[in-house]
Amino acid sequence: MNDVFKALSDPTRRKILELLYEKDLTAGDIAEEFDISKPSISHHLTILKNAELVFTERQGQNIIYTLNTTVFQSIIKWFFDLTGKDDNNEEE
């Protein structure tokens, strides 16, 4: 889960995830949305992939990036479990 939070700490990566929330995109499509180099976008995509926040699928010459929503479900579950434990552990 540490890789997930590290990946989410960067605003460029959060913006990429927002774009992928709307639809699946190629790296080129994603790069068009930013004023940074394609190698930088590739680096961000690698971090997101390593954190399992995105899936990739090769379609011919392109790699299609897709948002992995199950990771976000796990984060939400972890958060609610954490906050639930705090409530149950309070002294009366």
PDB file of N, CA and C in Angstrom:
ATOM      1  N   MET A   1       0.825  -1.193   0.000  1.00  0.00           N
ATOM      2  CA  MET A   1       0.000   0.000   0.000  1.00  0.00           C
ATOM      3  C   MET A   1       0.873   1.263   0.000  1.00  0.00           C
ATOM      4  N   ASN A   2       2.109   1.157   0.488  1.00  0.00           N
ATOM      5  CA  ASN A   2       2.996   2.322   0.479  1.00  0.00           C
ATOM      6  C   ASN A   2       3.244   2.833  -0.931  1.00  0.00           C
ATOM      7  N   ASP A   3       3.379   1.908  -1.901  1.00  0.00           N
ATOM      8  CA  ASP A   3       3.573   2.324  -3.291  1.00  0.00           C
ATOM      9  C   ASP A   3       2.370   3.104  -3.807  1.00  0.00           C
ATOM     10  N   VAL A   4       1.193   2.712  -3.361  1.00  0.00           N
ATOM     11  CA  VAL A   4      -0.025   3.406  -3.786  1.00  0.00           C
ATOM     12  C   VAL A   4      -0.009   4.839  -3.277  1.00  0.00           C
ATOM     13  N   PHE A   5       0.275   5.019  -1.994  1.00  0.00           N
ATOM     14  CA  PHE A   5       0.271   6.370  -1.441  1.00  0.00           C
ATOM     15  C   PHE A   5       1.389   7.223  -2.032  1.00  0.00           C
ATOM     16  N   LYS A   6       2.533   6.622  -2.287  1.00  0.00           N
ATOM     17  CA  LYS A   6       3.617   7.361  -2.938  1.00  0.00           C
ATOM     18  C   LYS A   6       3.184   7.799  -4.334  1.00  0.00           C
ATOM     19  N   ALA A   7       2.551   6.900  -5.074  1.00  0.00           N
ATOM     20  CA  ALA A   7       2.086   7.242  -6.420  1.00  0.00           C
ATOM     21  C   ALA A   7       1.043   8.357  -6.379  1.00  0.00           C
ATOM     22  N   LEU A   8       0.173   8.310  -5.397  1.00  0.00           N
ATOM     23  CA  LEU A   8      -0.886   9.314  -5.285  1.00  0.00           C
ATOM     24  C   LEU A   8      -0.384  10.663  -4.780  1.00  0.00           C
ATOM     25  N   SER A   9       0.831  10.708  -4.268  1.00  0.00           N
ATOM     26  CA  SER A   9       1.346  11.960  -3.704  1.00  0.00           C
ATOM     27  C   SER A   9       1.709  12.991  -4.769  1.00  0.00           C
ATOM     28  N   ASP A  10       1.823  12.570  -6.017  1.00  0.00           N
ATOM     29  CA  ASP A  10       2.245  13.477  -7.078  1.00  0.00           C
ATOM     30  C   ASP A  10       1.034  14.015  -7.852  1.00  0.00           C
ATOM     31  N   PRO A  11       0.931  15.336  -8.032  1.00  0.00           N
ATOM     32  CA  PRO A  11      -0.228  15.909  -8.727  1.00  0.00           C
ATOM     33  C   PRO A  11      -0.340  15.482 -10.190  1.00  0.00           C
ATOM     34  N   THR A  12       0.778  15.265 -10.856  1.00  0.00           N
ATOM     35  CA  THR A  12       0.707  14.810 -12.254  1.00  0.00           C
ATOM     36  C   THR A  12       0.085  13.422 -12.322  1.00  0.00           C
ATOM     37  N   ARG A  13       0.492  12.544 -11.424  1.00  0.00           N
ATOM     38  CA  ARG A  13      -0.072  11.192 -11.425  1.00  0.00           C
ATOM     39  C   ARG A  13      -1.546  11.217 -11.047  1.00  0.00           C
ATOM     40  N   ARG A  14      -1.930  12.090 -10.125  1.00  0.00           N
ATOM     41  CA  ARG A  14      -3.355  12.195  -9.782  1.00  0.00           C
ATOM     42  C   ARG A  14      -4.159  12.677 -10.992  1.00  0.00           C
ATOM     43  N   LYS A  15      -3.602  13.599 -11.759  1.00  0.00           N
ATOM     44  CA  LYS A  15      -4.283  14.086 -12.963  1.00  0.00           C
ATOM     45  C   LYS A  15      -4.405  12.963 -13.998  1.00  0.00           C
ATOM     46  N   ILE A  16      -3.357  12.157 -14.142  1.00  0.00           N
ATOM     47  CA  ILE A  16      -3.424  11.016 -15.061  1.00  0.00           C
ATOM     48  C   ILE A  16      -4.557  10.076 -14.644  1.00  0.00           C
ATOM     49  N   LEU A  17      -4.677   9.811 -13.358  1.00  0.00           N
ATOM     50  CA  LEU A  17      -5.748   8.945 -12.872  1.00  0.00           C
ATOM     51  C   LEU A  17      -7.119   9.555 -13.149  1.00  0.00           C
ATOM     52  N   GLU A  18      -7.230  10.869 -13.020  1.00  0.00           N
ATOM     53  CA  GLU A  18      -8.496  11.534 -13.338  1.00  0.00           C
ATOM     54  C   GLU A  18      -8.843  11.356 -14.813  1.00  0.00           C
ATOM     55  N   LEU A  19      -7.851  11.479 -15.678  1.00  0.00           N
ATOM     56  CA  LEU A  19      -8.084  11.272 -17.110  1.00  0.00           C
ATOM     57  C   LEU A  19      -8.530   9.840 -17.386  1.00  0.00           C
ATOM     58  N   LEU A  20      -7.881   8.886 -16.727  1.00  0.00           N
ATOM     59  CA  LEU A  20      -8.227   7.485 -16.945  1.00  0.00           C
ATOM     60  C   LEU A  20      -9.568   7.119 -16.324  1.00  0.00           C
ATOM     61  N   TYR A  21     -10.025   7.907 -15.367  1.00  0.00           N
ATOM     62  CA  TYR A  21     -11.361   7.704 -14.810  1.00  0.00           C
ATOM     63  C   TYR A  21     -12.413   7.941 -15.884  1.00  0.00           C
ATOM     64  N   GLU A  22     -12.122   8.889 -16.769  1.00  0.00           N
ATOM     65  CA  GLU A  22     -13.055   9.232 -17.847  1.00  0.00           C
ATOM     66  C   GLU A  22     -13.064   8.170 -18.947  1.00  0.00           C
ATOM     67  N   LYS A  23     -11.862   7.683 -19.340  1.00  0.00           N
ATOM     68  CA  LYS A  23     -11.776   6.671 -20.387  1.00  0.00           C
ATOM     69  C   LYS A  23     -10.362   6.122 -20.459  1.00  0.00           C
ATOM     70  N   ASP A  24     -10.217   4.959 -21.071  1.00  0.00           N
ATOM     71  CA  ASP A  24      -8.905   4.352 -21.286  1.00  0.00           C
ATOM     72  C   ASP A  24      -8.156   5.177 -22.330  1.00  0.00           C
ATOM     73  N   LEU A  25      -6.846   5.310 -22.150  1.00  0.00           N
ATOM     74  CA  LEU A  25      -6.036   6.150 -23.035  1.00  0.00           C
ATOM     75  C   LEU A  25      -4.688   5.504 -23.325  1.00  0.00           C
ATOM     76  N   THR A  26      -4.097   5.899 -24.439  1.00  0.00           N
ATOM     77  CA  THR A  26      -2.718   5.510 -24.728  1.00  0.00           C
ATOM     78  C   THR A  26      -1.789   6.498 -24.033  1.00  0.00           C
ATOM     79  N   ALA A  27      -0.509   6.140 -23.959  1.00  0.00           N
ATOM     80  CA  ALA A  27       0.473   7.049 -23.372  1.00  0.00           C
ATOM     81  C   ALA A  27       0.516   8.358 -24.156  1.00  0.00           C
ATOM     82  N   GLY A  28       0.409   8.264 -25.480  1.00  0.00           N
ATOM     83  CA  GLY A  28       0.403   9.469 -26.312  1.00  0.00           C
ATOM     84  C   GLY A  28      -0.777  10.372 -26.015  1.00  0.00           C
ATOM     85  N   ASP A  29      -1.954   9.769 -25.840  1.00  0.00           N
ATOM     86  CA  ASP A  29      -3.154  10.553 -25.490  1.00  0.00           C
ATOM     87  C   ASP A  29      -2.956  11.260 -24.155  1.00  0.00           C
ATOM     88  N   ILE A  30      -2.370  10.553 -23.208  1.00  0.00           N
ATOM     89  CA  ILE A  30      -2.129  11.128 -21.886  1.00  0.00           C
ATOM     90  C   ILE A  30      -1.119  12.265 -21.994  1.00  0.00           C
ATOM     91  N   ALA A  31      -0.049  12.044 -22.738  1.00  0.00           N
ATOM     92  CA  ALA A  31       1.013  13.050 -22.877  1.00  0.00           C
ATOM     93  C   ALA A  31       0.482  14.345 -23.478  1.00  0.00           C
ATOM     94  N   GLU A  32      -0.505  14.255 -24.369  1.00  0.00           N
ATOM     95  CA  GLU A  32      -1.080  15.456 -24.992  1.00  0.00           C
ATOM     96  C   GLU A  32      -1.745  16.382 -23.982  1.00  0.00           C
ATOM     97  N   GLU A  33      -2.099  15.853 -22.835  1.00  0.00           N
ATOM     98  CA  GLU A  33      -2.792  16.638 -21.802  1.00  0.00           C
ATOM     99  C   GLU A  33      -1.829  17.404 -20.895  1.00  0.00           C
ATOM    100  N   PHE A  34      -0.523  17.205 -21.078  1.00  0.00           N
ATOM    101  CA  PHE A  34       0.462  17.793 -20.184  1.00  0.00           C
ATOM    102  C   PHE A  34       1.514  18.565 -20.966  1.00  0.00           C
ATOM    103  N   ASP A  35       2.128  19.507 -20.302  1.00  0.00           N
ATOM    104  CA  ASP A  35       3.213  20.290 -20.885  1.00  0.00           C
ATOM    105  C   ASP A  35       4.549  19.810 -20.311  1.00  0.00           C
ATOM    106  N   ILE A  36       4.731  18.485 -20.323  1.00  0.00           N
ATOM    107  CA  ILE A  36       5.990  17.888 -19.883  1.00  0.00           C
ATOM    108  C   ILE A  36       6.409  16.858 -20.929  1.00  0.00           C
ATOM    109  N   SER A  37       7.638  16.406 -20.847  1.00  0.00           N
ATOM    110  CA  SER A  37       8.176  15.502 -21.870  1.00  0.00           C
ATOM    111  C   SER A  37       7.498  14.127 -21.827  1.00  0.00           C
ATOM    112  N   LYS A  38       7.520  13.450 -22.963  1.00  0.00           N
ATOM    113  CA  LYS A  38       6.968  12.094 -23.023  1.00  0.00           C
ATOM    114  C   LYS A  38       7.723  11.125 -22.116  1.00  0.00           C
ATOM    115  N   PRO A  39       9.062  11.242 -22.012  1.00  0.00           N
ATOM    116  CA  PRO A  39       9.743  10.369 -21.045  1.00  0.00           C
ATOM    117  C   PRO A  39       9.269  10.599 -19.600  1.00  0.00           C
ATOM    118  N   SER A  40       8.944  11.839 -19.253  1.00  0.00           N
ATOM    119  CA  SER A  40       8.422  12.115 -17.904  1.00  0.00           C
ATOM    120  C   SER A  40       7.058  11.462 -17.709  1.00  0.00           C
ATOM    121  N   ILE A  41       6.213  11.543 -18.722  1.00  0.00           N
ATOM    122  CA  ILE A  41       4.904  10.881 -18.648  1.00  0.00           C
ATOM    123  C   ILE A  41       5.098   9.374 -18.507  1.00  0.00           C
ATOM    124  N   SER A  42       6.023   8.830 -19.272  1.00  0.00           N
ATOM    125  CA  SER A  42       6.312   7.397 -19.195  1.00  0.00           C
ATOM    126  C   SER A  42       6.755   7.001 -17.784  1.00  0.00           C
ATOM    127  N   HIS A  43       7.576   7.829 -17.167  1.00  0.00           N
ATOM    128  CA  HIS A  43       8.024   7.583 -15.791  1.00  0.00           C
ATOM    129  C   HIS A  43       6.830   7.557 -14.830  1.00  0.00           C
ATOM    130  N   HIS A  44       5.946   8.539 -14.968  1.00  0.00           N
ATOM    131  CA  HIS A  44       4.756   8.594 -14.110  1.00  0.00           C
ATOM    132  C   HIS A  44       3.875   7.362 -14.332  1.00  0.00           C
ATOM    133  N   LEU A  45       3.710   6.964 -15.581  1.00  0.00           N
ATOM    134  CA  LEU A  45       2.892   5.787 -15.879  1.00  0.00           C
ATOM    135  C   LEU A  45       3.509   4.514 -15.301  1.00  0.00           C
ATOM    136  N   THR A  46       4.822   4.422 -15.316  1.00  0.00           N
ATOM    137  CA  THR A  46       5.499   3.263 -14.730  1.00  0.00           C
ATOM    138  C   THR A  46       5.250   3.191 -13.227  1.00  0.00           C
ATOM    139  N   ILE A  47       5.312   4.321 -12.565  1.00  0.00           N
ATOM    140  CA  ILE A  47       5.041   4.364 -11.115  1.00  0.00           C
ATOM    141  C   ILE A  47       3.600   3.943 -10.837  1.00  0.00           C
ATOM    142  N   LEU A  48       2.660   4.444 -11.643  1.00  0.00           N
ATOM    143  CA  LEU A  48       1.256   4.069 -11.462  1.00  0.00           C
ATOM    144  C   LEU A  48       1.047   2.579 -11.721  1.00  0.00           C
ATOM    145  N   LYS A  49       1.727   2.054 -12.723  1.00  0.00           N
ATOM    146  CA  LYS A  49       1.614   0.625 -13.032  1.00  0.00           C
ATOM    147  C   LYS A  49       2.228  -0.221 -11.919  1.00  0.00           C
ATOM    148  N   ASN A  50       3.398   0.175 -11.417  1.00  0.00           N
ATOM    149  CA  ASN A  50       4.042  -0.566 -10.331  1.00  0.00           C
ATOM    150  C   ASN A  50       3.219  -0.556  -9.053  1.00  0.00           C
ATOM    151  N   ALA A  51       2.462   0.510  -8.851  1.00  0.00           N
ATOM    152  CA  ALA A  51       1.579   0.605  -7.690  1.00  0.00           C
ATOM    153  C   ALA A  51       0.243  -0.092  -7.944  1.00  0.00           C
ATOM    154  N   GLU A  52       0.102  -0.666  -9.138  1.00  0.00           N
ATOM    155  CA  GLU A  52      -1.106  -1.372  -9.557  1.00  0.00           C
ATOM    156  C   GLU A  52      -2.333  -0.478  -9.600  1.00  0.00           C
ATOM    157  N   LEU A  53      -2.122   0.811  -9.820  1.00  0.00           N
ATOM    158  CA  LEU A  53      -3.232   1.742  -9.967  1.00  0.00           C
ATOM    159  C   LEU A  53      -3.777   1.753 -11.387  1.00  0.00           C
ATOM    160  N   VAL A  54      -2.979   1.265 -12.331  1.00  0.00           N
ATOM    161  CA  VAL A  54      -3.423   1.164 -13.721  1.00  0.00           C
ATOM    162  C   VAL A  54      -3.054  -0.212 -14.268  1.00  0.00           C
ATOM    163  N   PHE A  55      -3.852  -0.649 -15.228  1.00  0.00           N
ATOM    164  CA  PHE A  55      -3.570  -1.843 -16.009  1.00  0.00           C
ATOM    165  C   PHE A  55      -3.102  -1.405 -17.379  1.00  0.00           C
ATOM    166  N   THR A  56      -2.345  -2.253 -18.040  1.00  0.00           N
ATOM    167  CA  THR A  56      -1.953  -1.976 -19.419  1.00  0.00           C
ATOM    168  C   THR A  56      -2.351  -3.148 -20.301  1.00  0.00           C
ATOM    169  N   GLU A  57      -2.652  -2.807 -21.552  1.00  0.00           N
ATOM    170  CA  GLU A  57      -2.976  -3.830 -22.544  1.00  0.00           C
ATOM    171  C   GLU A  57      -2.424  -3.362 -23.881  1.00  0.00           C
ATOM    172  N   ARG A  58      -1.666  -4.215 -24.519  1.00  0.00           N
ATOM    173  CA  ARG A  58      -1.107  -3.872 -25.825  1.00  0.00           C
ATOM    174  C   ARG A  58      -2.171  -4.098 -26.892  1.00  0.00           C
ATOM    175  N   GLN A  59      -2.351  -3.065 -27.722  1.00  0.00           N
ATOM    176  CA  GLN A  59      -3.236  -3.156 -28.881  1.00  0.00           C
ATOM    177  C   GLN A  59      -2.442  -2.681 -30.082  1.00  0.00           C
ATOM    178  N   GLY A  60      -1.868  -3.620 -30.806  1.00  0.00           N
ATOM    179  CA  GLY A  60      -1.020  -3.273 -31.945  1.00  0.00           C
ATOM    180  C   GLY A  60       0.229  -2.555 -31.449  1.00  0.00           C
ATOM    181  N   GLN A  61       0.464  -1.357 -31.984  1.00  0.00           N
ATOM    182  CA  GLN A  61       1.626  -0.555 -31.584  1.00  0.00           C
ATOM    183  C   GLN A  61       1.398   0.217 -30.283  1.00  0.00           C
ATOM    184  N   ASN A  62       0.154   0.266 -29.827  1.00  0.00           N
ATOM    185  CA  ASN A  62      -0.191   1.088 -28.666  1.00  0.00           C
ATOM    186  C   ASN A  62      -0.314   0.264 -27.398  1.00  0.00           C
ATOM    187  N   ILE A  63      -0.048   0.930 -26.294  1.00  0.00           N
ATOM    188  CA  ILE A  63      -0.340   0.370 -24.977  1.00  0.00           C
ATOM    189  C   ILE A  63      -1.480   1.206 -24.409  1.00  0.00           C
ATOM    190  N   ILE A  64      -2.555   0.527 -24.071  1.00  0.00           N
ATOM    191  CA  ILE A  64      -3.736   1.199 -23.531  1.00  0.00           C
ATOM    192  C   ILE A  64      -3.677   1.130 -22.007  1.00  0.00           C
ATOM    193  N   TYR A  65      -3.866   2.273 -21.364  1.00  0.00           N
ATOM    194  CA  TYR A  65      -3.867   2.362 -19.904  1.00  0.00           C
ATOM    195  C   TYR A  65      -5.304   2.440 -19.403  1.00  0.00           C
ATOM    196  N   THR A  66      -5.576   1.643 -18.372  1.00  0.00           N
ATOM    197  CA  THR A  66      -6.907   1.551 -17.780  1.00  0.00           C
ATOM    198  C   THR A  66      -6.784   1.714 -16.268  1.00  0.00           C
ATOM    199  N   LEU A  67      -7.707   2.436 -15.677  1.00  0.00           N
ATOM    200  CA  LEU A  67      -7.733   2.633 -14.233  1.00  0.00           C
ATOM    201  C   LEU A  67      -8.099   1.324 -13.531  1.00  0.00           C
ATOM    202  N   ASN A  68      -7.360   0.973 -12.498  1.00  0.00           N
ATOM    203  CA  ASN A  68      -7.640  -0.215 -11.691  1.00  0.00           C
ATOM    204  C   ASN A  68      -8.455   0.220 -10.481  1.00  0.00           C
ATOM    205  N   THR A  69      -9.753   0.101 -10.576  1.00  0.00           N
ATOM    206  CA  THR A  69     -10.624   0.588  -9.501  1.00  0.00           C
ATOM    207  C   THR A  69     -10.568  -0.285  -8.254  1.00  0.00           C
ATOM    208  N   THR A  70     -10.143  -1.541  -8.377  1.00  0.00           N
ATOM    209  CA  THR A  70     -10.106  -2.401  -7.194  1.00  0.00           C
ATOM    210  C   THR A  70      -9.091  -1.906  -6.164  1.00  0.00           C
ATOM    211  N   VAL A  71      -8.014  -1.264  -6.608  1.00  0.00           N
ATOM    212  CA  VAL A  71      -7.045  -0.715  -5.660  1.00  0.00           C
ATOM    213  C   VAL A  71      -7.694   0.397  -4.835  1.00  0.00           C
ATOM    214  N   PHE A  72      -8.498   1.224  -5.493  1.00  0.00           N
ATOM    215  CA  PHE A  72      -9.166   2.306  -4.769  1.00  0.00           C
ATOM    216  C   PHE A  72     -10.183   1.743  -3.774  1.00  0.00           C
ATOM    217  N   GLN A  73     -10.833   0.662  -4.129  1.00  0.00           N
ATOM    218  CA  GLN A  73     -11.750   0.013  -3.192  1.00  0.00           C
ATOM    219  C   GLN A  73     -10.989  -0.494  -1.969  1.00  0.00           C
ATOM    220  N   SER A  74      -9.805  -1.040  -2.193  1.00  0.00           N
ATOM    221  CA  SER A  74      -8.978  -1.519  -1.082  1.00  0.00           C
ATOM    222  C   SER A  74      -8.540  -0.372  -0.182  1.00  0.00           C
ATOM    223  N   ILE A  75      -8.189   0.764  -0.783  1.00  0.00           N
ATOM    224  CA  ILE A  75      -7.790   1.937   0.006  1.00  0.00           C
ATOM    225  C   ILE A  75      -8.952   2.418   0.862  1.00  0.00           C
ATOM    226  N   ILE A  76     -10.124   2.484   0.258  1.00  0.00           N
ATOM    227  CA  ILE A  76     -11.304   2.938   0.999  1.00  0.00           C
ATOM    228  C   ILE A  76     -11.611   1.977   2.146  1.00  0.00           C
ATOM    229  N   LYS A  77     -11.522   0.666   1.878  1.00  0.00           N
ATOM    230  CA  LYS A  77     -11.754  -0.323   2.932  1.00  0.00           C
ATOM    231  C   LYS A  77     -10.734  -0.140   4.056  1.00  0.00           C
ATOM    232  N   TRP A  78      -9.454   0.021   3.687  1.00  0.00           N
ATOM    233  CA  TRP A  78      -8.410   0.224   4.686  1.00  0.00           C
ATOM    234  C   TRP A  78      -8.720   1.459   5.533  1.00  0.00           C
ATOM    235  N   PHE A  79      -9.115   2.544   4.868  1.00  0.00           N
ATOM    236  CA  PHE A  79      -9.412   3.786   5.576  1.00  0.00           C
ATOM    237  C   PHE A  79     -10.565   3.590   6.563  1.00  0.00           C
ATOM    238  N   PHE A  80     -11.643   2.956   6.103  1.00  0.00           N
ATOM    239  CA  PHE A  80     -12.783   2.751   6.993  1.00  0.00           C
ATOM    240  C   PHE A  80     -12.452   1.774   8.112  1.00  0.00           C
ATOM    241  N   ASP A  81     -11.656   0.750   7.814  1.00  0.00           N
ATOM    242  CA  ASP A  81     -11.216  -0.160   8.871  1.00  0.00           C
ATOM    243  C   ASP A  81     -10.386   0.590   9.911  1.00  0.00           C
ATOM    244  N   LEU A  82      -9.508   1.461   9.442  1.00  0.00           N
ATOM    245  CA  LEU A  82      -8.661   2.239  10.335  1.00  0.00           C
ATOM    246  C   LEU A  82      -9.494   3.153  11.220  1.00  0.00           C
ATOM    247  N   THR A  83     -10.425   3.855  10.628  1.00  0.00           N
ATOM    248  CA  THR A  83     -11.243   4.778  11.419  1.00  0.00           C
ATOM    249  C   THR A  83     -12.193   4.027  12.329  1.00  0.00           C
ATOM    250  N   GLY A  84     -12.641   2.848  11.917  1.00  0.00           N
ATOM    251  CA  GLY A  84     -13.494   2.023  12.771  1.00  0.00           C
ATOM    252  C   GLY A  84     -12.742   1.506  13.970  1.00  0.00           C
ATOM    253  N   LYS A  85     -11.485   1.131  13.786  1.00  0.00           N
ATOM    254  CA  LYS A  85     -10.666   0.645  14.894  1.00  0.00           C
ATOM    255  C   LYS A  85     -10.415   1.754  15.903  1.00  0.00           C
ATOM    256  N   ASP A  86     -10.219   2.970  15.422  1.00  0.00           N
ATOM    257  CA  ASP A  86     -10.004   4.095  16.335  1.00  0.00           C
ATOM    258  C   ASP A  86     -11.229   4.300  17.220  1.00  0.00           C
ATOM    259  N   ASP A  87     -12.422   4.204  16.631  1.00  0.00           N
ATOM    260  CA  ASP A  87     -13.642   4.381  17.412  1.00  0.00           C
ATOM    261  C   ASP A  87     -13.805   3.276  18.460  1.00  0.00           C
ATOM    262  N   ASN A  88     -13.433   2.054  18.084  1.00  0.00           N
ATOM    263  CA  ASN A  88     -13.605   0.923  18.998  1.00  0.00           C
ATOM    264  C   ASN A  88     -12.556   0.897  20.096  1.00  0.00           C
ATOM    265  N   ASN A  89     -11.432   1.551  19.898  1.00  0.00           N
ATOM    266  CA  ASN A  89     -10.350   1.509  20.869  1.00  0.00           C
ATOM    267  C   ASN A  89     -10.346   2.700  21.822  1.00  0.00           C
ATOM    268  N   GLU A  90     -11.307   3.577  21.683  1.00  0.00           N
ATOM    269  CA  GLU A  90     -11.335   4.736  22.578  1.00  0.00           C
ATOM    270  C   GLU A  90     -11.719   4.285  23.984  1.00  0.00           C
ATOM    271  N   GLU A  91     -11.096   4.918  24.953  1.00  0.00           N
ATOM    272  CA  GLU A  91     -11.445   4.622  26.337  1.00  0.00           C
ATOM    273  C   GLU A  91     -12.673   5.406  26.715  1.00  0.00           C
ATOM    274  N   GLU A  92     -13.492   4.796  27.542  1.00  0.00           N
ATOM    275  CA  GLU A  92     -14.736   5.479  27.926  1.00  0.00           C
ATOM    276  C   GLU A  92     -14.585   6.211  29.213  1.00  0.00           C
TER     277      GLU A  92
END
